Amino acid sequence: MTKHLTTKNFGWLITGILIFMLGQSIFEKLNGSMTANFQFMHLENYMIGIAVAEIVGLILLVFPRTSIFGAVLISCLMSGAAALHLSLMGGNMIIAPIAMGVLAWLSHCLRSYRA
């Protein structure tokens, strides 16, 4: 009898959720629907660069050999987003970047866990 809900499979499920969440954020940055938020924070020049860094982080996270680098990159980007949400936006919507950073580490750790 095979187990379908193992820690590795649960890690891949979390990776899929993270790909969906960050993919939606990347798409909004690239098509310009987040321009107002970045103009408010005076970061509109960096919007494409942040989107590219998120794409690189997701690609690194998907491959098992480089997943730790992806987790580090995504958590660094999300901690910067959380700091900006706290300092410039008064803590509004801070749970999303924190959750994405935690999910990045959780997906890496569950997929690389050896029992």
N, C-alpha and C. Protein backbone atom coordinates (compact mmCIF):
# COMPACT_ATOMS: atom_id res chain seq x y z
N MET A 1 0.84 -1.17 0.00
CA MET A 1 0.00 0.00 0.00
C MET A 1 0.89 1.24 0.00
N THR A 2 0.63 2.15 -0.92
CA THR A 2 1.48 3.33 -1.04
C THR A 2 0.85 4.52 -0.33
N LYS A 3 1.71 5.31 0.24
CA LYS A 3 1.26 6.55 0.86
C LYS A 3 1.30 7.67 -0.18
N HIS A 4 0.24 8.40 -0.28
CA HIS A 4 0.20 9.49 -1.24
C HIS A 4 0.52 10.84 -0.60
N LEU A 5 0.20 11.00 0.67
CA LEU A 5 0.47 12.27 1.34
C LEU A 5 1.72 12.13 2.21
N THR A 6 2.85 12.14 1.54
CA THR A 6 4.13 12.09 2.24
C THR A 6 4.63 13.52 2.43
N THR A 7 5.70 13.67 3.20
CA THR A 7 6.23 15.01 3.40
C THR A 7 6.75 15.61 2.11
N LYS A 8 7.32 14.77 1.26
CA LYS A 8 7.83 15.26 -0.01
C LYS A 8 6.68 15.72 -0.91
N ASN A 9 5.61 14.94 -0.99
CA ASN A 9 4.46 15.35 -1.79
C ASN A 9 3.79 16.59 -1.23
N PHE A 10 3.73 16.70 0.09
CA PHE A 10 3.16 17.90 0.72
C PHE A 10 4.03 19.11 0.40
N GLY A 11 5.34 18.92 0.37
CA GLY A 11 6.25 20.00 -0.02
C GLY A 11 6.02 20.44 -1.46
N TRP A 12 5.77 19.47 -2.35
CA TRP A 12 5.48 19.83 -3.74
C TRP A 12 4.14 20.54 -3.85
N LEU A 13 3.17 20.17 -3.02
CA LEU A 13 1.88 20.86 -3.01
C LEU A 13 2.06 22.32 -2.58
N ILE A 14 2.85 22.54 -1.56
CA ILE A 14 3.13 23.90 -1.10
C ILE A 14 3.90 24.67 -2.17
N THR A 15 4.81 24.01 -2.86
CA THR A 15 5.52 24.66 -3.96
C THR A 15 4.56 25.10 -5.05
N GLY A 16 3.58 24.26 -5.37
CA GLY A 16 2.58 24.63 -6.36
C GLY A 16 1.75 25.82 -5.94
N ILE A 17 1.37 25.86 -4.66
CA ILE A 17 0.62 27.00 -4.14
C ILE A 17 1.46 28.26 -4.23
N LEU A 18 2.73 28.15 -3.88
CA LEU A 18 3.63 29.30 -3.93
C LEU A 18 3.84 29.77 -5.36
N ILE A 19 3.96 28.84 -6.30
CA ILE A 19 4.10 29.21 -7.70
C ILE A 19 2.87 29.98 -8.17
N PHE A 20 1.69 29.54 -7.75
CA PHE A 20 0.46 30.23 -8.13
C PHE A 20 0.42 31.64 -7.53
N MET A 21 0.73 31.75 -6.23
CA MET A 21 0.66 33.06 -5.56
C MET A 21 1.69 34.04 -6.13
N LEU A 22 2.94 33.60 -6.24
CA LEU A 22 3.97 34.48 -6.77
C LEU A 22 3.82 34.71 -8.26
N GLY A 23 3.30 33.71 -8.96
CA GLY A 23 3.06 33.88 -10.40
C GLY A 23 2.04 34.96 -10.67
N GLN A 24 1.01 35.02 -9.84
CA GLN A 24 0.01 36.07 -9.98
C GLN A 24 0.64 37.44 -9.69
N SER A 25 1.48 37.52 -8.69
CA SER A 25 2.16 38.77 -8.36
C SER A 25 3.11 39.19 -9.48
N ILE A 26 3.83 38.23 -10.04
CA ILE A 26 4.74 38.53 -11.14
C ILE A 26 3.97 39.04 -12.35
N PHE A 27 2.86 38.38 -12.67
CA PHE A 27 2.05 38.79 -13.81
C PHE A 27 1.52 40.21 -13.62
N GLU A 28 1.09 40.55 -12.41
CA GLU A 28 0.58 41.90 -12.15
C GLU A 28 1.69 42.94 -12.25
N LYS A 29 2.90 42.57 -11.86
CA LYS A 29 4.02 43.51 -11.99
C LYS A 29 4.39 43.72 -13.45
N LEU A 30 4.39 42.64 -14.22
CA LEU A 30 4.82 42.74 -15.61
C LEU A 30 3.79 43.42 -16.51
N ASN A 31 2.49 43.26 -16.22
CA ASN A 31 1.50 43.91 -17.08
C ASN A 31 1.15 45.31 -16.60
N GLY A 32 1.70 45.75 -15.49
CA GLY A 32 1.56 47.14 -15.05
C GLY A 32 0.38 47.43 -14.15
N SER A 33 -0.31 46.42 -13.66
CA SER A 33 -1.45 46.70 -12.79
C SER A 33 -1.04 47.03 -11.35
N MET A 34 0.22 46.86 -11.01
CA MET A 34 0.71 47.24 -9.68
C MET A 34 1.47 48.56 -9.71
N THR A 35 1.36 49.29 -10.80
CA THR A 35 2.13 50.53 -10.95
C THR A 35 1.77 51.55 -9.89
N ALA A 36 0.49 51.64 -9.53
CA ALA A 36 0.07 52.63 -8.52
C ALA A 36 0.73 52.36 -7.17
N ASN A 37 0.81 51.09 -6.78
CA ASN A 37 1.45 50.75 -5.51
C ASN A 37 2.94 51.11 -5.53
N PHE A 38 3.60 50.80 -6.63
CA PHE A 38 5.03 51.08 -6.72
C PHE A 38 5.30 52.58 -6.86
N GLN A 39 4.40 53.33 -7.48
CA GLN A 39 4.55 54.78 -7.53
C GLN A 39 4.38 55.39 -6.14
N PHE A 40 3.46 54.84 -5.36
CA PHE A 40 3.26 55.33 -3.99
C PHE A 40 4.52 55.13 -3.16
N MET A 41 5.23 54.04 -3.40
CA MET A 41 6.44 53.75 -2.64
C MET A 41 7.70 54.30 -3.31
N HIS A 42 7.52 54.99 -4.45
CA HIS A 42 8.63 55.56 -5.24
C HIS A 42 9.59 54.47 -5.70
N LEU A 43 9.05 53.34 -6.13
CA LEU A 43 9.86 52.22 -6.60
C LEU A 43 9.46 51.76 -7.99
N GLU A 44 8.81 52.62 -8.77
CA GLU A 44 8.32 52.18 -10.08
C GLU A 44 9.45 51.80 -11.03
N ASN A 45 10.65 52.34 -10.83
CA ASN A 45 11.79 51.98 -11.68
C ASN A 45 12.28 50.56 -11.42
N TYR A 46 11.95 50.00 -10.26
CA TYR A 46 12.45 48.69 -9.86
C TYR A 46 11.42 47.58 -10.02
N MET A 47 10.25 47.89 -10.52
CA MET A 47 9.17 46.91 -10.59
C MET A 47 9.52 45.72 -11.48
N ILE A 48 10.10 45.96 -12.65
CA ILE A 48 10.47 44.88 -13.56
C ILE A 48 11.61 44.05 -12.96
N GLY A 49 12.57 44.71 -12.34
CA GLY A 49 13.68 43.99 -11.71
C GLY A 49 13.23 43.09 -10.58
N ILE A 50 12.27 43.55 -9.79
CA ILE A 50 11.73 42.72 -8.71
C ILE A 50 10.99 41.53 -9.29
N ALA A 51 10.23 41.75 -10.36
CA ALA A 51 9.52 40.64 -11.01
C ALA A 51 10.50 39.60 -11.55
N VAL A 52 11.59 40.05 -12.16
CA VAL A 52 12.59 39.12 -12.69
C VAL A 52 13.26 38.35 -11.55
N ALA A 53 13.54 39.03 -10.44
CA ALA A 53 14.14 38.34 -9.29
C ALA A 53 13.18 37.29 -8.73
N GLU A 54 11.87 37.59 -8.72
CA GLU A 54 10.89 36.61 -8.25
C GLU A 54 10.82 35.41 -9.20
N ILE A 55 10.93 35.65 -10.51
CA ILE A 55 10.93 34.55 -11.48
C ILE A 55 12.15 33.66 -11.25
N VAL A 56 13.31 34.28 -11.06
CA VAL A 56 14.53 33.51 -10.82
C VAL A 56 14.40 32.70 -9.52
N GLY A 57 13.84 33.31 -8.49
CA GLY A 57 13.64 32.60 -7.23
C GLY A 57 12.71 31.41 -7.37
N LEU A 58 11.64 31.57 -8.14
CA LEU A 58 10.73 30.45 -8.36
C LEU A 58 11.39 29.33 -9.15
N ILE A 59 12.15 29.69 -10.17
CA ILE A 59 12.85 28.67 -10.96
C ILE A 59 13.85 27.91 -10.10
N LEU A 60 14.59 28.64 -9.27
CA LEU A 60 15.54 27.97 -8.38
C LEU A 60 14.84 27.10 -7.35
N LEU A 61 13.67 27.52 -6.89
CA LEU A 61 12.94 26.76 -5.88
C LEU A 61 12.39 25.45 -6.44
N VAL A 62 12.02 25.44 -7.69
CA VAL A 62 11.40 24.25 -8.28
C VAL A 62 12.39 23.09 -8.40
N PHE A 63 13.63 23.37 -8.76
CA PHE A 63 14.61 22.31 -8.93
C PHE A 63 15.21 21.91 -7.58
N PRO A 64 15.18 20.62 -7.25
CA PRO A 64 15.62 20.19 -5.92
C PRO A 64 17.06 20.55 -5.57
N ARG A 65 17.97 20.55 -6.54
CA ARG A 65 19.37 20.85 -6.22
C ARG A 65 19.59 22.32 -5.88
N THR A 66 18.73 23.20 -6.37
CA THR A 66 18.90 24.63 -6.13
C THR A 66 17.78 25.23 -5.30
N SER A 67 16.97 24.37 -4.67
CA SER A 67 15.80 24.88 -3.96
C SER A 67 16.18 25.75 -2.76
N ILE A 68 17.31 25.50 -2.14
CA ILE A 68 17.70 26.34 -1.00
C ILE A 68 18.02 27.76 -1.46
N PHE A 69 18.61 27.91 -2.64
CA PHE A 69 18.90 29.25 -3.15
C PHE A 69 17.61 29.99 -3.50
N GLY A 70 16.65 29.25 -4.04
CA GLY A 70 15.35 29.85 -4.33
C GLY A 70 14.64 30.27 -3.07
N ALA A 71 14.72 29.43 -2.03
CA ALA A 71 14.08 29.79 -0.76
C ALA A 71 14.73 31.03 -0.15
N VAL A 72 16.04 31.12 -0.23
CA VAL A 72 16.75 32.30 0.30
C VAL A 72 16.35 33.55 -0.49
N LEU A 73 16.35 33.45 -1.81
CA LEU A 73 16.02 34.62 -2.64
C LEU A 73 14.58 35.07 -2.42
N ILE A 74 13.65 34.13 -2.40
CA ILE A 74 12.24 34.49 -2.20
C ILE A 74 12.02 35.07 -0.80
N SER A 75 12.64 34.48 0.21
CA SER A 75 12.44 35.01 1.56
C SER A 75 13.09 36.39 1.72
N CYS A 76 14.21 36.64 1.04
CA CYS A 76 14.80 37.99 1.07
C CYS A 76 13.90 39.01 0.40
N LEU A 77 13.35 38.65 -0.76
CA LEU A 77 12.44 39.56 -1.45
C LEU A 77 11.19 39.83 -0.62
N MET A 78 10.66 38.79 0.00
CA MET A 78 9.43 38.95 0.78
C MET A 78 9.68 39.69 2.09
N SER A 79 10.87 39.55 2.67
CA SER A 79 11.15 40.32 3.88
C SER A 79 11.29 41.80 3.56
N GLY A 80 11.85 42.11 2.38
CA GLY A 80 11.89 43.51 1.94
C GLY A 80 10.49 44.05 1.69
N ALA A 81 9.63 43.22 1.10
CA ALA A 81 8.24 43.64 0.87
C ALA A 81 7.52 43.85 2.20
N ALA A 82 7.76 42.98 3.17
CA ALA A 82 7.13 43.15 4.48
C ALA A 82 7.61 44.43 5.16
N ALA A 83 8.90 44.72 5.04
CA ALA A 83 9.43 45.96 5.63
C ALA A 83 8.81 47.19 4.98
N LEU A 84 8.65 47.15 3.65
CA LEU A 84 8.01 48.27 2.97
C LEU A 84 6.55 48.41 3.34
N HIS A 85 5.86 47.29 3.50
CA HIS A 85 4.47 47.33 3.91
C HIS A 85 4.34 47.93 5.31
N LEU A 86 5.28 47.61 6.18
CA LEU A 86 5.24 48.16 7.53
C LEU A 86 5.57 49.65 7.55
N SER A 87 6.62 50.03 6.85
CA SER A 87 7.09 51.40 6.97
C SER A 87 6.29 52.39 6.13
N LEU A 88 5.91 52.02 4.93
CA LEU A 88 5.26 52.98 4.04
C LEU A 88 3.74 52.83 3.96
N MET A 89 3.24 51.63 4.21
CA MET A 89 1.82 51.40 4.05
C MET A 89 1.11 51.16 5.38
N GLY A 90 1.80 51.37 6.47
CA GLY A 90 1.18 51.26 7.79
C GLY A 90 0.82 49.84 8.20
N GLY A 91 1.48 48.85 7.66
CA GLY A 91 1.19 47.47 8.01
C GLY A 91 0.04 46.85 7.23
N ASN A 92 -0.45 47.56 6.23
CA ASN A 92 -1.56 47.06 5.43
C ASN A 92 -1.10 45.88 4.56
N MET A 93 -1.80 44.77 4.62
CA MET A 93 -1.53 43.57 3.81
C MET A 93 -0.13 43.00 4.05
N ILE A 94 0.33 43.01 5.28
CA ILE A 94 1.66 42.50 5.58
C ILE A 94 1.70 40.97 5.64
N ILE A 95 0.55 40.35 5.83
CA ILE A 95 0.53 38.90 5.99
C ILE A 95 0.91 38.16 4.71
N ALA A 96 0.62 38.73 3.55
CA ALA A 96 0.91 38.05 2.27
C ALA A 96 2.41 37.84 2.05
N PRO A 97 3.27 38.87 2.16
CA PRO A 97 4.70 38.60 1.95
C PRO A 97 5.30 37.71 3.03
N ILE A 98 4.82 37.83 4.26
CA ILE A 98 5.34 36.96 5.32
C ILE A 98 4.96 35.51 5.03
N ALA A 99 3.72 35.29 4.61
CA ALA A 99 3.26 33.93 4.30
C ALA A 99 4.04 33.35 3.13
N MET A 100 4.33 34.14 2.11
CA MET A 100 5.07 33.62 0.96
C MET A 100 6.51 33.27 1.33
N GLY A 101 7.13 34.05 2.19
CA GLY A 101 8.48 33.72 2.64
C GLY A 101 8.50 32.45 3.47
N VAL A 102 7.52 32.29 4.33
CA VAL A 102 7.44 31.07 5.14
C VAL A 102 7.14 29.86 4.26
N LEU A 103 6.25 30.02 3.29
CA LEU A 103 5.93 28.91 2.38
C LEU A 103 7.13 28.50 1.54
N ALA A 104 7.98 29.45 1.17
CA ALA A 104 9.18 29.11 0.40
C ALA A 104 10.09 28.20 1.22
N TRP A 105 10.32 28.56 2.49
CA TRP A 105 11.17 27.71 3.32
C TRP A 105 10.51 26.39 3.65
N LEU A 106 9.21 26.42 3.87
CA LEU A 106 8.50 25.19 4.19
C LEU A 106 8.54 24.22 3.01
N SER A 107 8.35 24.72 1.81
CA SER A 107 8.40 23.84 0.65
C SER A 107 9.79 23.25 0.46
N HIS A 108 10.82 24.06 0.64
CA HIS A 108 12.19 23.52 0.52
C HIS A 108 12.46 22.46 1.58
N CYS A 109 12.13 22.77 2.83
CA CYS A 109 12.44 21.85 3.92
C CYS A 109 11.67 20.54 3.82
N LEU A 110 10.40 20.61 3.43
CA LEU A 110 9.62 19.38 3.32
C LEU A 110 10.07 18.52 2.15
N ARG A 111 10.49 19.14 1.05
CA ARG A 111 10.92 18.35 -0.10
C ARG A 111 12.31 17.76 0.10
N SER A 112 13.14 18.37 0.91
CA SER A 112 14.50 17.86 1.10
C SER A 112 14.64 17.07 2.40
N TYR A 113 13.55 16.82 3.11
CA TYR A 113 13.58 16.08 4.37
C TYR A 113 13.91 14.62 4.13
N ARG A 114 14.84 14.11 4.87
CA ARG A 114 15.22 12.68 4.80
C ARG A 114 14.93 12.03 6.15
N ALA A 115 14.05 11.04 6.13
CA ALA A 115 13.68 10.38 7.39
C ALA A 115 14.58 9.21 7.67
